[in-house]
Amino acid sequence: MKRCPICKKGTRADVDDIDYAFGDHHVIIKGERCTSCGEEFFGMPELERIARTGRRLGMWGSPMRLQRKLSRSGRGTVLRIPVDIEQEMKLKGNERVTISKAGKRKILIEIE
């Protein structure tokens, strides 16, 4: 049995229900969980599975989150799209978009 390197009390037991979250997406993976503190551990095969899923969803290969400041223009609020996202998505600046409220403090922008 392997001792937990975090709490040094429990042992690491095999599990197949680790909920790994990245962004709004979740992947259930196999690994080990400490019987005392609940710390979870997983190896390279599972990390590779997470990376494949992230790439397939288009979440990796580019920054996942960028911070920008909103500004005012006339009676509206302006959000500028960063150049790296503009280039990766091949935006020209004349696309039509749909903007939706996706939560209390989230908006979703979709290119039509």
N, C-alpha and C. Protein backbone atom coordinates (compact mmCIF):
# COMPACT_ATOMS: atom_id res chain seq x y z
N MET A 1 0.83 -1.20 0.00
CA MET A 1 0.00 0.00 0.00
C MET A 1 0.87 1.25 0.00
N LYS A 2 0.42 2.23 -0.77
CA LYS A 2 1.18 3.48 -0.84
C LYS A 2 0.61 4.49 0.14
N ARG A 3 1.47 5.12 0.90
CA ARG A 3 1.07 6.18 1.83
C ARG A 3 0.78 7.46 1.06
N CYS A 4 -0.11 8.24 1.58
CA CYS A 4 -0.43 9.54 0.98
C CYS A 4 0.71 10.51 1.26
N PRO A 5 1.27 11.15 0.22
CA PRO A 5 2.37 12.10 0.45
C PRO A 5 1.88 13.44 1.01
N ILE A 6 0.58 13.66 1.02
CA ILE A 6 0.04 14.93 1.51
C ILE A 6 -0.18 14.88 3.02
N CYS A 7 -1.03 13.92 3.49
CA CYS A 7 -1.36 13.87 4.92
C CYS A 7 -0.48 12.90 5.71
N LYS A 8 0.18 11.99 5.01
CA LYS A 8 1.06 10.98 5.62
C LYS A 8 0.32 10.00 6.53
N LYS A 9 -1.03 10.05 6.57
CA LYS A 9 -1.81 9.16 7.43
C LYS A 9 -2.48 8.05 6.63
N GLY A 10 -3.17 8.43 5.57
CA GLY A 10 -3.96 7.48 4.80
C GLY A 10 -3.14 6.74 3.76
N THR A 11 -3.82 5.83 3.08
CA THR A 11 -3.21 5.09 1.98
C THR A 11 -3.94 5.47 0.69
N ARG A 12 -3.28 5.25 -0.43
CA ARG A 12 -3.85 5.58 -1.73
C ARG A 12 -4.59 4.36 -2.28
N ALA A 13 -5.90 4.52 -2.48
CA ALA A 13 -6.74 3.43 -2.98
C ALA A 13 -7.13 3.73 -4.42
N ASP A 14 -7.16 2.68 -5.27
CA ASP A 14 -7.58 2.84 -6.67
C ASP A 14 -9.05 3.23 -6.75
N VAL A 15 -9.35 4.22 -7.61
CA VAL A 15 -10.73 4.67 -7.84
C VAL A 15 -10.90 4.93 -9.33
N ASP A 16 -12.14 4.93 -9.79
CA ASP A 16 -12.40 5.23 -11.20
C ASP A 16 -13.47 6.30 -11.34
N ASP A 17 -13.54 7.21 -10.35
CA ASP A 17 -14.58 8.23 -10.36
C ASP A 17 -14.06 9.63 -10.03
N ILE A 18 -12.82 9.93 -10.40
CA ILE A 18 -12.28 11.26 -10.15
C ILE A 18 -12.90 12.22 -11.16
N ASP A 19 -13.52 13.27 -10.65
CA ASP A 19 -14.16 14.27 -11.50
C ASP A 19 -13.16 15.40 -11.73
N TYR A 20 -12.57 15.43 -12.92
CA TYR A 20 -11.58 16.46 -13.27
C TYR A 20 -12.30 17.54 -14.07
N ALA A 21 -12.32 18.76 -13.55
CA ALA A 21 -13.03 19.86 -14.22
C ALA A 21 -12.03 20.82 -14.84
N PHE A 22 -12.31 21.24 -16.07
CA PHE A 22 -11.55 22.32 -16.68
C PHE A 22 -12.55 23.20 -17.41
N GLY A 23 -12.59 24.46 -17.00
CA GLY A 23 -13.62 25.35 -17.52
C GLY A 23 -14.98 24.85 -17.07
N ASP A 24 -15.91 24.79 -17.99
CA ASP A 24 -17.25 24.28 -17.70
C ASP A 24 -17.38 22.81 -18.04
N HIS A 25 -16.29 22.15 -18.37
CA HIS A 25 -16.32 20.76 -18.80
C HIS A 25 -15.76 19.85 -17.72
N HIS A 26 -16.28 18.64 -17.65
CA HIS A 26 -15.83 17.66 -16.67
C HIS A 26 -15.48 16.36 -17.37
N VAL A 27 -14.44 15.69 -16.88
CA VAL A 27 -14.04 14.38 -17.39
C VAL A 27 -13.90 13.47 -16.17
N ILE A 28 -14.47 12.27 -16.24
CA ILE A 28 -14.33 11.30 -15.17
C ILE A 28 -13.14 10.41 -15.52
N ILE A 29 -12.15 10.34 -14.60
CA ILE A 29 -10.93 9.60 -14.87
C ILE A 29 -10.62 8.61 -13.75
N LYS A 30 -9.67 7.71 -14.03
CA LYS A 30 -9.20 6.74 -13.04
C LYS A 30 -7.97 7.31 -12.34
N GLY A 31 -7.76 6.86 -11.12
CA GLY A 31 -6.59 7.29 -10.38
C GLY A 31 -6.58 6.69 -9.00
N GLU A 32 -6.05 7.43 -8.05
CA GLU A 32 -5.99 6.99 -6.66
C GLU A 32 -6.50 8.11 -5.76
N ARG A 33 -7.11 7.73 -4.63
CA ARG A 33 -7.62 8.71 -3.67
C ARG A 33 -7.15 8.29 -2.28
N CYS A 34 -6.71 9.27 -1.49
CA CYS A 34 -6.28 9.00 -0.12
C CYS A 34 -7.49 8.62 0.73
N THR A 35 -7.33 7.58 1.54
CA THR A 35 -8.41 7.12 2.40
C THR A 35 -8.62 8.03 3.60
N SER A 36 -7.67 8.93 3.85
CA SER A 36 -7.78 9.82 5.01
C SER A 36 -8.18 11.25 4.61
N CYS A 37 -7.38 11.87 3.74
CA CYS A 37 -7.62 13.29 3.42
C CYS A 37 -8.42 13.49 2.13
N GLY A 38 -8.57 12.45 1.29
CA GLY A 38 -9.35 12.56 0.07
C GLY A 38 -8.59 13.13 -1.12
N GLU A 39 -7.30 13.42 -0.95
CA GLU A 39 -6.49 13.95 -2.06
C GLU A 39 -6.51 12.93 -3.21
N GLU A 40 -6.57 13.44 -4.45
CA GLU A 40 -6.65 12.56 -5.62
C GLU A 40 -5.37 12.64 -6.44
N PHE A 41 -4.98 11.48 -7.00
CA PHE A 41 -3.76 11.36 -7.79
C PHE A 41 -4.08 10.62 -9.07
N PHE A 42 -3.46 11.04 -10.18
CA PHE A 42 -3.62 10.29 -11.44
C PHE A 42 -2.35 10.45 -12.25
N GLY A 43 -2.17 9.51 -13.19
CA GLY A 43 -0.92 9.43 -13.94
C GLY A 43 -1.01 9.98 -15.36
N MET A 44 0.06 9.75 -16.12
CA MET A 44 0.18 10.27 -17.48
C MET A 44 -0.92 9.79 -18.43
N PRO A 45 -1.33 8.52 -18.40
CA PRO A 45 -2.39 8.11 -19.34
C PRO A 45 -3.66 8.95 -19.16
N GLU A 46 -4.01 9.24 -17.92
CA GLU A 46 -5.20 10.03 -17.67
C GLU A 46 -4.98 11.50 -18.06
N LEU A 47 -3.79 12.02 -17.83
CA LEU A 47 -3.48 13.39 -18.25
C LEU A 47 -3.57 13.52 -19.77
N GLU A 48 -3.09 12.50 -20.48
CA GLU A 48 -3.18 12.51 -21.94
C GLU A 48 -4.63 12.47 -22.40
N ARG A 49 -5.46 11.71 -21.69
CA ARG A 49 -6.89 11.66 -22.02
C ARG A 49 -7.55 13.03 -21.81
N ILE A 50 -7.19 13.70 -20.73
CA ILE A 50 -7.71 15.05 -20.46
C ILE A 50 -7.27 16.00 -21.56
N ALA A 51 -6.01 15.93 -21.97
CA ALA A 51 -5.49 16.81 -23.02
C ALA A 51 -6.19 16.56 -24.34
N ARG A 52 -6.42 15.29 -24.69
CA ARG A 52 -7.14 14.97 -25.93
C ARG A 52 -8.55 15.56 -25.90
N THR A 53 -9.21 15.42 -24.78
CA THR A 53 -10.57 15.95 -24.64
C THR A 53 -10.56 17.47 -24.76
N GLY A 54 -9.61 18.13 -24.10
CA GLY A 54 -9.51 19.58 -24.17
C GLY A 54 -9.24 20.08 -25.58
N ARG A 55 -8.37 19.40 -26.31
CA ARG A 55 -8.09 19.79 -27.69
C ARG A 55 -9.30 19.57 -28.58
N ARG A 56 -10.00 18.44 -28.38
CA ARG A 56 -11.19 18.14 -29.18
C ARG A 56 -12.28 19.18 -28.95
N LEU A 57 -12.39 19.69 -27.73
CA LEU A 57 -13.38 20.72 -27.42
C LEU A 57 -12.91 22.12 -27.83
N GLY A 58 -11.67 22.22 -28.32
CA GLY A 58 -11.14 23.51 -28.74
C GLY A 58 -10.72 24.40 -27.58
N MET A 59 -10.48 23.79 -26.43
CA MET A 59 -10.14 24.58 -25.25
C MET A 59 -8.63 24.77 -25.07
N TRP A 60 -7.84 23.87 -25.65
CA TRP A 60 -6.40 23.97 -25.48
C TRP A 60 -5.75 24.19 -26.83
N GLY A 61 -4.56 24.71 -26.78
CA GLY A 61 -3.85 25.10 -28.00
C GLY A 61 -3.89 26.61 -28.13
N SER A 62 -4.75 27.23 -27.34
CA SER A 62 -4.84 28.68 -27.27
C SER A 62 -5.20 29.03 -25.82
N PRO A 63 -5.00 30.28 -25.43
CA PRO A 63 -5.32 30.64 -24.04
C PRO A 63 -6.79 30.33 -23.73
N MET A 64 -7.02 29.78 -22.55
CA MET A 64 -8.38 29.44 -22.17
C MET A 64 -9.15 30.67 -21.69
N ARG A 65 -8.49 31.53 -20.98
CA ARG A 65 -9.14 32.73 -20.46
C ARG A 65 -8.20 33.92 -20.57
N LEU A 66 -8.71 34.98 -21.11
CA LEU A 66 -7.96 36.23 -21.18
C LEU A 66 -8.78 37.30 -20.47
N GLN A 67 -8.13 38.20 -19.80
CA GLN A 67 -8.85 39.26 -19.12
C GLN A 67 -8.75 40.54 -19.93
N ARG A 68 -9.87 41.20 -20.07
CA ARG A 68 -9.95 42.46 -20.78
C ARG A 68 -10.83 43.40 -19.99
N LYS A 69 -10.69 44.68 -20.24
CA LYS A 69 -11.51 45.69 -19.57
C LYS A 69 -12.58 46.16 -20.53
N LEU A 70 -13.81 46.26 -20.04
CA LEU A 70 -14.89 46.81 -20.84
C LEU A 70 -14.74 48.32 -20.89
N SER A 71 -15.21 48.94 -21.96
CA SER A 71 -15.18 50.41 -22.04
C SER A 71 -16.52 50.90 -22.57
N ARG A 72 -16.76 52.18 -22.42
CA ARG A 72 -18.01 52.78 -22.85
C ARG A 72 -17.80 53.46 -24.20
N SER A 73 -18.83 53.40 -25.03
CA SER A 73 -18.84 54.09 -26.31
C SER A 73 -20.27 54.52 -26.57
N GLY A 74 -20.50 55.80 -26.52
CA GLY A 74 -21.87 56.30 -26.66
C GLY A 74 -22.71 55.78 -25.50
N ARG A 75 -23.80 55.09 -25.84
CA ARG A 75 -24.66 54.54 -24.79
C ARG A 75 -24.42 53.05 -24.59
N GLY A 76 -23.40 52.49 -25.20
CA GLY A 76 -23.17 51.05 -25.11
C GLY A 76 -21.84 50.71 -24.46
N THR A 77 -21.68 49.43 -24.18
CA THR A 77 -20.44 48.91 -23.61
C THR A 77 -19.70 48.14 -24.70
N VAL A 78 -18.39 48.34 -24.77
CA VAL A 78 -17.57 47.74 -25.82
C VAL A 78 -16.64 46.70 -25.22
N LEU A 79 -16.53 45.56 -25.89
CA LEU A 79 -15.57 44.52 -25.53
C LEU A 79 -14.71 44.27 -26.75
N ARG A 80 -13.41 44.45 -26.62
CA ARG A 80 -12.51 44.23 -27.76
C ARG A 80 -12.03 42.80 -27.75
N ILE A 81 -11.96 42.19 -28.92
CA ILE A 81 -11.47 40.81 -29.08
C ILE A 81 -9.95 40.87 -29.21
N PRO A 82 -9.21 40.10 -28.38
CA PRO A 82 -7.74 40.10 -28.48
C PRO A 82 -7.27 39.61 -29.86
N VAL A 83 -6.15 40.15 -30.31
CA VAL A 83 -5.61 39.86 -31.63
C VAL A 83 -5.34 38.37 -31.82
N ASP A 84 -4.80 37.69 -30.79
CA ASP A 84 -4.49 36.27 -30.97
C ASP A 84 -5.76 35.44 -31.21
N ILE A 85 -6.86 35.78 -30.56
CA ILE A 85 -8.12 35.08 -30.82
C ILE A 85 -8.65 35.46 -32.19
N GLU A 86 -8.54 36.72 -32.55
CA GLU A 86 -8.98 37.20 -33.87
C GLU A 86 -8.26 36.45 -34.98
N GLN A 87 -6.95 36.29 -34.84
CA GLN A 87 -6.17 35.60 -35.86
C GLN A 87 -6.49 34.11 -35.90
N GLU A 88 -6.57 33.47 -34.73
CA GLU A 88 -6.82 32.04 -34.69
C GLU A 88 -8.19 31.69 -35.26
N MET A 89 -9.18 32.56 -35.02
CA MET A 89 -10.53 32.30 -35.52
C MET A 89 -10.76 32.90 -36.91
N LYS A 90 -9.71 33.54 -37.44
CA LYS A 90 -9.76 34.15 -38.78
C LYS A 90 -10.92 35.15 -38.90
N LEU A 91 -11.04 36.01 -37.88
CA LEU A 91 -12.09 37.03 -37.89
C LEU A 91 -11.67 38.20 -38.75
N LYS A 92 -12.62 38.76 -39.50
CA LYS A 92 -12.34 39.91 -40.36
C LYS A 92 -12.83 41.21 -39.75
N GLY A 93 -13.73 41.11 -38.79
CA GLY A 93 -14.26 42.31 -38.16
C GLY A 93 -15.63 42.70 -38.67
N ASN A 94 -16.17 41.94 -39.61
CA ASN A 94 -17.50 42.26 -40.13
C ASN A 94 -18.49 41.11 -39.88
N GLU A 95 -18.11 40.14 -39.03
CA GLU A 95 -18.98 39.01 -38.74
C GLU A 95 -20.15 39.45 -37.86
N ARG A 96 -21.26 38.75 -38.02
CA ARG A 96 -22.41 38.96 -37.14
C ARG A 96 -22.26 37.98 -35.98
N VAL A 97 -22.62 38.40 -34.79
CA VAL A 97 -22.51 37.55 -33.62
C VAL A 97 -23.84 37.53 -32.86
N THR A 98 -24.01 36.48 -32.09
CA THR A 98 -25.13 36.38 -31.17
C THR A 98 -24.57 36.44 -29.77
N ILE A 99 -25.12 37.31 -28.94
CA ILE A 99 -24.67 37.45 -27.56
C ILE A 99 -25.81 37.00 -26.65
N SER A 100 -25.49 36.06 -25.75
CA SER A 100 -26.50 35.52 -24.84
C SER A 100 -26.00 35.60 -23.41
N LYS A 101 -26.92 35.78 -22.50
CA LYS A 101 -26.59 35.68 -21.08
C LYS A 101 -26.50 34.20 -20.75
N ALA A 102 -25.38 33.77 -20.17
CA ALA A 102 -25.15 32.35 -19.90
C ALA A 102 -25.07 32.05 -18.40
N GLY A 103 -25.43 32.99 -17.59
CA GLY A 103 -25.36 32.84 -16.14
C GLY A 103 -25.44 34.21 -15.51
N LYS A 104 -25.32 34.24 -14.19
CA LYS A 104 -25.40 35.53 -13.50
C LYS A 104 -24.31 36.50 -13.93
N ARG A 105 -23.11 35.98 -14.14
CA ARG A 105 -21.98 36.83 -14.51
C ARG A 105 -21.24 36.28 -15.71
N LYS A 106 -21.98 35.65 -16.66
CA LYS A 106 -21.36 35.09 -17.86
C LYS A 106 -22.15 35.50 -19.08
N ILE A 107 -21.40 35.75 -20.16
CA ILE A 107 -22.03 35.95 -21.45
C ILE A 107 -21.39 34.99 -22.44
N LEU A 108 -22.16 34.64 -23.45
CA LEU A 108 -21.68 33.74 -24.50
C LEU A 108 -21.76 34.50 -25.83
N ILE A 109 -20.68 34.50 -26.57
CA ILE A 109 -20.64 35.16 -27.87
C ILE A 109 -20.42 34.08 -28.92
N GLU A 110 -21.36 33.98 -29.86
CA GLU A 110 -21.26 32.99 -30.93
C GLU A 110 -21.22 33.70 -32.26
N ILE A 111 -20.32 33.27 -33.14
CA ILE A 111 -20.22 33.84 -34.46
C ILE A 111 -21.23 33.13 -35.35
N GLU A 112 -22.05 33.90 -36.06
CA GLU A 112 -23.08 33.31 -36.92
C GLU A 112 -22.48 32.85 -38.21
